[in-house]
Amino acid sequence: MHTLITIFLVLLISYDAKSSEIEDPPYGIRFGQKFNASEHKSIQRRGNVRSVILKTANRPDDTEELRAEICDEYGLQIITWRSHIRSLASASASHNEILKEFEKKYGAPRIRHKSTFWISSGLQIIVKIRNKNNTHQNQIRYFGPKNKPCFNKLIAHQQELEMPPRKPK
């Protein structure tokens, strides 16, 4: 009987720990997905990374843009959702609703500067109000499990491009 109670408690604890863990990415997308010209419209290429517009019907009605960063070696690693441009008051109200929904799913967030974020072992989410040229948009960014090695490689590539060419001897 003592063993049965112990097993029940272990299962209960692991269920609670898992429920606050961040799920798979949204919009029917999966991390590691490779670039496919029939599925993705490429808008920019920088070194080992393609920025693409994602084509999916599985997204919020107020979506202005759904974009991904797809690494040659690691596949899709960053998803960025942006709402339609709105007033600061409207963006703030929407931001608060997004935060309430995410707090229910993922627990208490961390806050740094004007960004709110959640971190788990395989995924990071950052929610903020994007302010550019006095326009406002809600923005959610999802970072996959291999985004660091992917972007370290990109940064190294960009630094090589910025270095002056070597003089021949």
N, C-alpha and C. Protein backbone atom coordinates (compact mmCIF):
# COMPACT_ATOMS: atom_id res chain seq x y z
N MET A 1 0.83 -1.18 0.00
CA MET A 1 0.00 0.00 0.00
C MET A 1 0.88 1.25 0.00
N HIS A 2 1.96 1.21 0.79
CA HIS A 2 2.88 2.34 0.87
C HIS A 2 3.49 2.63 -0.50
N THR A 3 3.82 1.58 -1.24
CA THR A 3 4.39 1.71 -2.58
C THR A 3 3.38 2.34 -3.54
N LEU A 4 2.14 1.95 -3.44
CA LEU A 4 1.08 2.49 -4.29
C LEU A 4 0.90 3.99 -4.07
N ILE A 5 0.92 4.42 -2.83
CA ILE A 5 0.79 5.85 -2.51
C ILE A 5 2.00 6.61 -3.05
N THR A 6 3.19 6.05 -2.93
CA THR A 6 4.40 6.69 -3.44
C THR A 6 4.33 6.86 -4.95
N ILE A 7 3.90 5.81 -5.66
CA ILE A 7 3.77 5.88 -7.12
C ILE A 7 2.75 6.95 -7.51
N PHE A 8 1.63 7.00 -6.79
CA PHE A 8 0.61 8.01 -7.07
C PHE A 8 1.16 9.42 -6.89
N LEU A 9 1.91 9.65 -5.81
CA LEU A 9 2.49 10.97 -5.56
C LEU A 9 3.51 11.36 -6.64
N VAL A 10 4.33 10.42 -7.07
CA VAL A 10 5.32 10.68 -8.12
C VAL A 10 4.60 11.06 -9.41
N LEU A 11 3.55 10.33 -9.76
CA LEU A 11 2.79 10.64 -10.97
C LEU A 11 2.13 12.00 -10.88
N LEU A 12 1.58 12.32 -9.72
CA LEU A 12 0.93 13.60 -9.51
C LEU A 12 1.93 14.75 -9.63
N ILE A 13 3.10 14.61 -9.04
CA ILE A 13 4.13 15.65 -9.10
C ILE A 13 4.63 15.82 -10.53
N SER A 14 4.87 14.71 -11.24
CA SER A 14 5.36 14.83 -12.61
C SER A 14 4.29 15.42 -13.52
N TYR A 15 3.01 15.16 -13.26
CA TYR A 15 1.95 15.76 -14.06
C TYR A 15 1.92 17.27 -13.85
N ASP A 16 2.04 17.72 -12.59
CA ASP A 16 2.06 19.15 -12.30
C ASP A 16 3.25 19.83 -12.95
N ALA A 17 4.41 19.20 -12.91
CA ALA A 17 5.60 19.79 -13.51
C ALA A 17 5.44 19.89 -15.02
N LYS A 18 4.82 18.88 -15.61
CA LYS A 18 4.66 18.87 -17.06
C LYS A 18 3.62 19.88 -17.51
N SER A 19 2.59 20.14 -16.72
CA SER A 19 1.53 21.04 -17.14
C SER A 19 2.03 22.47 -17.27
N SER A 20 3.08 22.85 -16.54
CA SER A 20 3.61 24.19 -16.68
C SER A 20 4.70 24.26 -17.76
N GLU A 21 5.08 23.14 -18.31
CA GLU A 21 6.08 23.07 -19.37
C GLU A 21 5.45 23.61 -20.65
N ILE A 22 6.20 24.35 -21.43
CA ILE A 22 5.69 24.92 -22.66
C ILE A 22 5.50 23.83 -23.69
N GLU A 23 4.34 23.86 -24.33
CA GLU A 23 3.99 22.85 -25.32
C GLU A 23 4.76 23.08 -26.62
N ASP A 24 4.39 22.31 -27.62
CA ASP A 24 4.94 22.49 -28.96
C ASP A 24 4.56 23.87 -29.47
N PRO A 25 5.26 24.36 -30.48
CA PRO A 25 4.93 25.68 -31.02
C PRO A 25 3.53 25.70 -31.64
N PRO A 26 2.95 26.89 -31.77
CA PRO A 26 1.59 27.01 -32.29
C PRO A 26 1.53 27.02 -33.81
N TYR A 27 0.34 27.26 -34.33
CA TYR A 27 0.09 27.48 -35.76
C TYR A 27 0.37 26.24 -36.60
N GLY A 28 0.38 25.06 -35.99
CA GLY A 28 0.61 23.83 -36.74
C GLY A 28 2.03 23.68 -37.26
N ILE A 29 2.95 24.36 -36.65
CA ILE A 29 4.35 24.37 -37.09
C ILE A 29 5.16 23.52 -36.12
N ARG A 30 6.26 22.95 -36.59
CA ARG A 30 7.12 22.22 -35.67
C ARG A 30 8.56 22.69 -35.84
N PHE A 31 9.27 22.75 -34.74
CA PHE A 31 10.67 23.15 -34.80
C PHE A 31 11.47 22.07 -35.50
N GLY A 32 12.48 22.50 -36.25
CA GLY A 32 13.30 21.58 -37.01
C GLY A 32 12.81 21.41 -38.45
N GLN A 33 11.61 21.93 -38.74
CA GLN A 33 11.04 21.85 -40.08
C GLN A 33 12.00 22.50 -41.07
N LYS A 34 12.26 21.84 -42.18
CA LYS A 34 13.21 22.35 -43.19
C LYS A 34 12.52 23.28 -44.17
N PHE A 35 13.31 24.13 -44.84
CA PHE A 35 12.78 25.07 -45.83
C PHE A 35 12.22 24.31 -47.02
N ASN A 36 11.02 24.71 -47.44
CA ASN A 36 10.38 24.09 -48.60
C ASN A 36 9.78 25.22 -49.44
N ALA A 37 10.29 25.41 -50.65
CA ALA A 37 9.86 26.52 -51.50
C ALA A 37 8.36 26.49 -51.80
N SER A 38 7.75 25.31 -51.80
CA SER A 38 6.31 25.23 -52.07
C SER A 38 5.48 25.63 -50.84
N GLU A 39 6.08 25.59 -49.66
CA GLU A 39 5.37 25.96 -48.43
C GLU A 39 5.73 27.35 -47.93
N HIS A 40 6.91 27.83 -48.25
CA HIS A 40 7.41 29.06 -47.66
C HIS A 40 7.81 30.08 -48.73
N LYS A 41 7.47 31.32 -48.51
CA LYS A 41 7.91 32.39 -49.38
C LYS A 41 9.12 33.04 -48.71
N SER A 42 10.29 32.85 -49.31
CA SER A 42 11.53 33.38 -48.74
C SER A 42 11.58 34.88 -48.95
N ILE A 43 11.85 35.63 -47.88
CA ILE A 43 11.92 37.09 -48.01
C ILE A 43 13.32 37.62 -47.80
N GLN A 44 14.19 36.82 -47.19
CA GLN A 44 15.55 37.27 -46.97
C GLN A 44 16.42 36.07 -46.61
N ARG A 45 17.67 36.12 -47.04
CA ARG A 45 18.64 35.10 -46.66
C ARG A 45 19.87 35.79 -46.11
N ARG A 46 20.28 35.36 -44.93
CA ARG A 46 21.48 35.88 -44.28
C ARG A 46 22.29 34.68 -43.83
N GLY A 47 23.41 34.46 -44.50
CA GLY A 47 24.26 33.32 -44.12
C GLY A 47 23.50 32.02 -44.15
N ASN A 48 23.40 31.38 -43.01
CA ASN A 48 22.76 30.07 -42.89
C ASN A 48 21.27 30.15 -42.54
N VAL A 49 20.68 31.35 -42.58
CA VAL A 49 19.30 31.53 -42.13
C VAL A 49 18.44 32.16 -43.22
N ARG A 50 17.27 31.57 -43.45
CA ARG A 50 16.27 32.16 -44.35
C ARG A 50 15.13 32.70 -43.50
N SER A 51 14.73 33.93 -43.76
CA SER A 51 13.51 34.47 -43.17
C SER A 51 12.40 34.21 -44.17
N VAL A 52 11.31 33.65 -43.70
CA VAL A 52 10.21 33.31 -44.59
C VAL A 52 8.87 33.76 -44.01
N ILE A 53 7.92 34.00 -44.91
CA ILE A 53 6.54 34.22 -44.51
C ILE A 53 5.89 32.84 -44.47
N LEU A 54 5.27 32.52 -43.35
CA LEU A 54 4.64 31.22 -43.21
C LEU A 54 3.23 31.25 -43.77
N LYS A 55 2.91 30.22 -44.53
CA LYS A 55 1.57 30.07 -45.09
C LYS A 55 0.86 29.02 -44.25
N THR A 56 -0.09 29.45 -43.45
CA THR A 56 -0.87 28.51 -42.66
C THR A 56 -2.23 29.14 -42.35
N ALA A 57 -3.26 28.34 -42.36
CA ALA A 57 -4.60 28.84 -42.02
C ALA A 57 -4.80 28.83 -40.51
N ASN A 58 -3.91 28.18 -39.79
CA ASN A 58 -4.02 28.01 -38.35
C ASN A 58 -3.35 29.17 -37.62
N ARG A 59 -3.99 30.37 -37.65
CA ARG A 59 -3.43 31.53 -36.97
C ARG A 59 -4.55 32.48 -36.57
N PRO A 60 -4.27 33.38 -35.62
CA PRO A 60 -5.32 34.30 -35.15
C PRO A 60 -5.85 35.20 -36.27
N ASP A 61 -7.10 35.64 -36.12
CA ASP A 61 -7.72 36.51 -37.12
C ASP A 61 -7.00 37.84 -37.29
N ASP A 62 -6.40 38.35 -36.24
CA ASP A 62 -5.76 39.67 -36.32
C ASP A 62 -4.28 39.59 -36.70
N THR A 63 -3.90 38.57 -37.44
CA THR A 63 -2.52 38.38 -37.85
C THR A 63 -2.16 39.30 -39.01
N GLU A 64 -1.15 40.10 -38.82
CA GLU A 64 -0.57 40.91 -39.89
C GLU A 64 0.51 40.10 -40.60
N GLU A 65 1.35 39.43 -39.77
CA GLU A 65 2.46 38.67 -40.35
C GLU A 65 2.79 37.49 -39.45
N LEU A 66 3.08 36.38 -40.08
CA LEU A 66 3.58 35.19 -39.39
C LEU A 66 4.85 34.80 -40.12
N ARG A 67 5.96 34.92 -39.42
CA ARG A 67 7.27 34.78 -40.05
C ARG A 67 8.08 33.73 -39.30
N ALA A 68 9.02 33.12 -40.01
CA ALA A 68 9.90 32.12 -39.37
C ALA A 68 11.33 32.34 -39.82
N GLU A 69 12.24 31.93 -38.97
CA GLU A 69 13.66 31.89 -39.31
C GLU A 69 14.01 30.41 -39.42
N ILE A 70 14.46 30.01 -40.61
CA ILE A 70 14.77 28.61 -40.86
C ILE A 70 16.27 28.48 -41.11
N CYS A 71 16.95 27.74 -40.25
CA CYS A 71 18.39 27.53 -40.36
C CYS A 71 18.66 26.35 -41.28
N ASP A 72 19.72 26.46 -42.08
CA ASP A 72 20.06 25.37 -42.99
C ASP A 72 20.27 24.06 -42.23
N GLU A 73 21.01 24.11 -41.16
CA GLU A 73 21.39 22.91 -40.43
C GLU A 73 20.33 22.43 -39.44
N TYR A 74 19.62 23.37 -38.77
CA TYR A 74 18.72 23.00 -37.67
C TYR A 74 17.24 23.15 -38.00
N GLY A 75 16.91 23.64 -39.19
CA GLY A 75 15.51 23.83 -39.55
C GLY A 75 14.90 25.03 -38.86
N LEU A 76 13.58 25.06 -38.81
CA LEU A 76 12.85 26.20 -38.25
C LEU A 76 13.19 26.36 -36.76
N GLN A 77 13.61 27.56 -36.37
CA GLN A 77 13.98 27.79 -34.97
C GLN A 77 13.32 29.00 -34.33
N ILE A 78 12.81 29.94 -35.12
CA ILE A 78 12.13 31.10 -34.54
C ILE A 78 10.85 31.37 -35.31
N ILE A 79 9.77 31.57 -34.58
CA ILE A 79 8.49 31.96 -35.15
C ILE A 79 8.14 33.33 -34.57
N THR A 80 7.75 34.25 -35.43
CA THR A 80 7.34 35.58 -34.98
C THR A 80 5.93 35.86 -35.49
N TRP A 81 5.02 36.11 -34.56
CA TRP A 81 3.66 36.52 -34.91
C TRP A 81 3.51 37.99 -34.60
N ARG A 82 2.92 38.74 -35.54
CA ARG A 82 2.62 40.15 -35.30
C ARG A 82 1.17 40.42 -35.66
N SER A 83 0.52 41.20 -34.80
CA SER A 83 -0.87 41.58 -35.04
C SER A 83 -0.93 42.70 -36.07
N HIS A 84 -2.17 43.04 -36.43
CA HIS A 84 -2.36 44.22 -37.27
C HIS A 84 -1.89 45.44 -36.49
N ILE A 85 -1.54 46.51 -37.19
CA ILE A 85 -1.14 47.76 -36.53
C ILE A 85 -2.36 48.31 -35.80
N ARG A 86 -2.14 48.79 -34.57
CA ARG A 86 -3.24 49.30 -33.76
C ARG A 86 -2.78 50.44 -32.88
N SER A 87 -3.72 51.06 -32.20
CA SER A 87 -3.38 52.14 -31.27
C SER A 87 -2.68 51.55 -30.06
N LEU A 88 -1.99 52.39 -29.32
CA LEU A 88 -1.30 51.92 -28.12
C LEU A 88 -2.31 51.35 -27.12
N ALA A 89 -3.46 52.00 -26.97
CA ALA A 89 -4.48 51.51 -26.03
C ALA A 89 -4.98 50.12 -26.44
N SER A 90 -5.24 49.94 -27.72
CA SER A 90 -5.71 48.65 -28.22
C SER A 90 -4.62 47.58 -28.09
N ALA A 91 -3.38 47.95 -28.41
CA ALA A 91 -2.27 47.00 -28.28
C ALA A 91 -2.07 46.61 -26.82
N SER A 92 -2.22 47.56 -25.91
CA SER A 92 -2.07 47.28 -24.47
C SER A 92 -3.16 46.34 -23.98
N ALA A 93 -4.40 46.57 -24.41
CA ALA A 93 -5.51 45.70 -24.01
C ALA A 93 -5.30 44.28 -24.54
N SER A 94 -4.89 44.16 -25.80
CA SER A 94 -4.62 42.85 -26.39
C SER A 94 -3.44 42.18 -25.69
N HIS A 95 -2.41 42.95 -25.38
CA HIS A 95 -1.22 42.44 -24.67
C HIS A 95 -1.64 41.82 -23.34
N ASN A 96 -2.49 42.52 -22.59
CA ASN A 96 -2.94 42.01 -21.29
C ASN A 96 -3.74 40.72 -21.45
N GLU A 97 -4.55 40.61 -22.50
CA GLU A 97 -5.30 39.37 -22.74
C GLU A 97 -4.37 38.22 -23.09
N ILE A 98 -3.35 38.49 -23.90
CA ILE A 98 -2.37 37.47 -24.25
C ILE A 98 -1.64 36.99 -22.99
N LEU A 99 -1.25 37.94 -22.14
CA LEU A 99 -0.54 37.57 -20.90
C LEU A 99 -1.41 36.70 -20.01
N LYS A 100 -2.69 37.04 -19.86
CA LYS A 100 -3.59 36.22 -19.03
C LYS A 100 -3.68 34.80 -19.57
N GLU A 101 -3.85 34.68 -20.89
CA GLU A 101 -3.96 33.36 -21.52
C GLU A 101 -2.67 32.55 -21.32
N PHE A 102 -1.52 33.18 -21.52
CA PHE A 102 -0.24 32.48 -21.38
C PHE A 102 0.06 32.14 -19.92
N GLU A 103 -0.32 33.00 -18.99
CA GLU A 103 -0.10 32.68 -17.57
C GLU A 103 -0.91 31.45 -17.16
N LYS A 104 -2.12 31.31 -17.70
CA LYS A 104 -2.92 30.11 -17.42
C LYS A 104 -2.22 28.86 -17.95
N LYS A 105 -1.66 28.96 -19.15
CA LYS A 105 -1.00 27.82 -19.78
C LYS A 105 0.36 27.51 -19.18
N TYR A 106 1.18 28.55 -18.96
CA TYR A 106 2.60 28.34 -18.66
C TYR A 106 3.05 28.81 -17.29
N GLY A 107 2.16 29.41 -16.51
CA GLY A 107 2.53 29.86 -15.18
C GLY A 107 3.04 31.29 -15.19
N ALA A 108 3.62 31.69 -14.08
CA ALA A 108 4.09 33.07 -13.92
C ALA A 108 5.27 33.35 -14.86
N PRO A 109 5.22 34.48 -15.55
CA PRO A 109 6.30 34.82 -16.49
C PRO A 109 7.43 35.56 -15.79
N ARG A 110 8.49 35.73 -16.54
CA ARG A 110 9.57 36.63 -16.14
C ARG A 110 9.38 37.91 -16.94
N ILE A 111 9.81 39.02 -16.38
CA ILE A 111 9.67 40.30 -17.08
C ILE A 111 11.01 40.99 -17.09
N ARG A 112 11.42 41.44 -18.30
CA ARG A 112 12.65 42.21 -18.43
C ARG A 112 12.40 43.32 -19.44
N HIS A 113 12.75 44.50 -19.05
CA HIS A 113 12.46 45.69 -19.85
C HIS A 113 10.96 45.71 -20.11
N LYS A 114 10.52 45.75 -21.33
CA LYS A 114 9.08 45.76 -21.61
C LYS A 114 8.61 44.46 -22.23
N SER A 115 9.40 43.40 -22.04
CA SER A 115 9.06 42.09 -22.59
C SER A 115 8.72 41.12 -21.46
N THR A 116 7.76 40.27 -21.74
CA THR A 116 7.35 39.22 -20.81
C THR A 116 7.74 37.90 -21.46
N PHE A 117 8.36 37.00 -20.68
CA PHE A 117 8.80 35.75 -21.31
C PHE A 117 8.67 34.55 -20.40
N TRP A 118 8.56 33.40 -21.07
CA TRP A 118 8.49 32.09 -20.44
C TRP A 118 9.61 31.24 -21.03
N ILE A 119 10.24 30.43 -20.19
CA ILE A 119 11.34 29.58 -20.65
C ILE A 119 11.12 28.16 -20.14
N SER A 120 11.28 27.20 -21.06
CA SER A 120 11.28 25.79 -20.66
C SER A 120 12.51 25.16 -21.28
N SER A 121 12.66 23.87 -21.12
CA SER A 121 13.86 23.21 -21.62
C SER A 121 13.99 23.27 -23.14
N GLY A 122 12.89 23.29 -23.87
CA GLY A 122 12.99 23.25 -25.32
C GLY A 122 12.43 24.45 -26.05
N LEU A 123 11.90 25.42 -25.33
CA LEU A 123 11.21 26.52 -25.99
C LEU A 123 11.21 27.76 -25.11
N GLN A 124 11.34 28.91 -25.76
CA GLN A 124 11.20 30.19 -25.07
C GLN A 124 10.14 30.99 -25.80
N ILE A 125 9.34 31.75 -25.04
CA ILE A 125 8.32 32.60 -25.62
C ILE A 125 8.53 34.01 -25.08
N ILE A 126 8.49 35.00 -25.98
CA ILE A 126 8.60 36.40 -25.58
C ILE A 126 7.40 37.14 -26.14
N VAL A 127 6.70 37.87 -25.26
CA VAL A 127 5.51 38.64 -25.64
C VAL A 127 5.80 40.10 -25.36
N LYS A 128 5.51 40.96 -26.34
CA LYS A 128 5.73 42.39 -26.13
C LYS A 128 4.86 43.20 -27.08
N ILE A 129 4.84 44.49 -26.84
CA ILE A 129 4.21 45.42 -27.78
C ILE A 129 5.34 46.02 -28.60
N ARG A 130 5.26 45.84 -29.89
CA ARG A 130 6.28 46.34 -30.81
C ARG A 130 5.90 47.78 -31.17
N ASN A 131 6.85 48.68 -31.02
CA ASN A 131 6.63 50.09 -31.32
C ASN A 131 7.66 50.51 -32.35
N LYS A 132 7.20 50.81 -33.56
CA LYS A 132 8.10 51.24 -34.61
C LYS A 132 7.47 52.40 -35.37
N ASN A 133 8.21 53.48 -35.47
CA ASN A 133 7.71 54.68 -36.17
C ASN A 133 6.33 55.10 -35.67
N ASN A 134 6.16 55.07 -34.37
CA ASN A 134 4.92 55.49 -33.70
C ASN A 134 3.70 54.63 -34.07
N THR A 135 3.93 53.39 -34.51
CA THR A 135 2.86 52.43 -34.71
C THR A 135 3.06 51.30 -33.70
N HIS A 136 1.98 50.60 -33.39
CA HIS A 136 2.04 49.58 -32.35
C HIS A 136 1.46 48.26 -32.87
N GLN A 137 2.13 47.17 -32.51
CA GLN A 137 1.67 45.83 -32.84
C GLN A 137 1.96 44.92 -31.66
N ASN A 138 1.08 43.95 -31.45
CA ASN A 138 1.41 42.90 -30.50
C ASN A 138 2.33 41.93 -31.21
N GLN A 139 3.30 41.41 -30.46
CA GLN A 139 4.27 40.48 -31.04
C GLN A 139 4.52 39.33 -30.08
N ILE A 140 4.53 38.12 -30.63
CA ILE A 140 4.90 36.92 -29.86
C ILE A 140 6.00 36.23 -30.65
N ARG A 141 7.10 35.92 -29.97
CA ARG A 141 8.20 35.20 -30.61
C ARG A 141 8.42 33.89 -29.86
N TYR A 142 8.54 32.82 -30.63
CA TYR A 142 8.79 31.49 -30.10
C TYR A 142 10.18 31.08 -30.57
N PHE A 143 11.05 30.71 -29.64
CA PHE A 143 12.42 30.30 -29.95
C PHE A 143 12.56 28.80 -29.70
N GLY A 144 12.98 28.08 -30.73
CA GLY A 144 13.12 26.63 -30.64
C GLY A 144 14.36 26.18 -29.90
N PRO A 145 14.49 24.87 -29.72
CA PRO A 145 15.56 24.32 -28.89
C PRO A 145 16.97 24.49 -29.49
N LYS A 146 17.09 24.73 -30.78
CA LYS A 146 18.43 24.87 -31.39
C LYS A 146 18.67 26.27 -31.92
N ASN A 147 17.96 27.25 -31.38
CA ASN A 147 18.12 28.61 -31.91
C ASN A 147 19.49 29.18 -31.60
N LYS A 148 20.09 28.82 -30.47
CA LYS A 148 21.41 29.38 -30.13
C LYS A 148 22.51 28.92 -31.09
N PRO A 149 22.69 27.61 -31.33
CA PRO A 149 23.75 27.22 -32.26
C PRO A 149 23.50 27.76 -33.67
N CYS A 150 22.25 27.84 -34.06
CA CYS A 150 21.91 28.36 -35.38
C CYS A 150 22.36 29.82 -35.50
N PHE A 151 22.01 30.63 -34.51
CA PHE A 151 22.33 32.05 -34.61
C PHE A 151 23.78 32.37 -34.26
N ASN A 152 24.44 31.50 -33.51
CA ASN A 152 25.89 31.68 -33.32
C ASN A 152 26.60 31.54 -34.65
N LYS A 153 26.15 30.58 -35.46
CA LYS A 153 26.72 30.38 -36.79
C LYS A 153 26.44 31.58 -37.69
N LEU A 154 25.25 32.14 -37.59
CA LEU A 154 24.90 33.33 -38.37
C LEU A 154 25.76 34.52 -37.97
N ILE A 155 25.94 34.73 -36.68
CA ILE A 155 26.75 35.85 -36.20
C ILE A 155 28.19 35.70 -36.67
N ALA A 156 28.72 34.50 -36.61
CA ALA A 156 30.09 34.26 -37.09
C ALA A 156 30.18 34.58 -38.58
N HIS A 157 29.18 34.20 -39.35
CA HIS A 157 29.15 34.49 -40.78
C HIS A 157 29.12 36.01 -41.02
N GLN A 158 28.30 36.72 -40.27
CA GLN A 158 28.19 38.17 -40.44
C GLN A 158 29.49 38.87 -40.05
N GLN A 159 30.17 38.37 -39.02
CA GLN A 159 31.44 38.97 -38.62
C GLN A 159 32.50 38.75 -39.70
N GLU A 160 32.48 37.59 -40.35
CA GLU A 160 33.42 37.33 -41.45
C GLU A 160 33.18 38.32 -42.60
N LEU A 161 31.92 38.61 -42.88
CA LEU A 161 31.59 39.56 -43.95
C LEU A 161 32.06 40.97 -43.65
N GLU A 162 32.07 41.32 -42.37
CA GLU A 162 32.46 42.67 -41.95
C GLU A 162 33.97 42.87 -41.87
N MET A 163 34.72 41.76 -41.83
CA MET A 163 36.18 41.86 -41.72
C MET A 163 36.75 42.35 -43.04
N PRO A 164 37.80 43.23 -42.98
CA PRO A 164 38.42 43.66 -44.22
C PRO A 164 39.13 42.49 -44.88
N PRO A 165 39.18 42.48 -46.23
CA PRO A 165 39.84 41.36 -46.92
C PRO A 165 41.34 41.34 -46.61
N ARG A 166 41.88 40.12 -46.58
CA ARG A 166 43.32 39.95 -46.32
C ARG A 166 44.11 40.35 -47.55
N LYS A 167 45.26 40.96 -47.29
CA LYS A 167 46.15 41.33 -48.40
C LYS A 167 46.98 40.11 -48.78
N PRO A 168 47.11 39.86 -50.09
CA PRO A 168 47.95 38.71 -50.50
C PRO A 168 49.42 38.99 -50.20
N LYS A 169 50.17 37.95 -49.91
CA LYS A 169 51.60 38.10 -49.58
C LYS A 169 52.44 38.07 -50.80
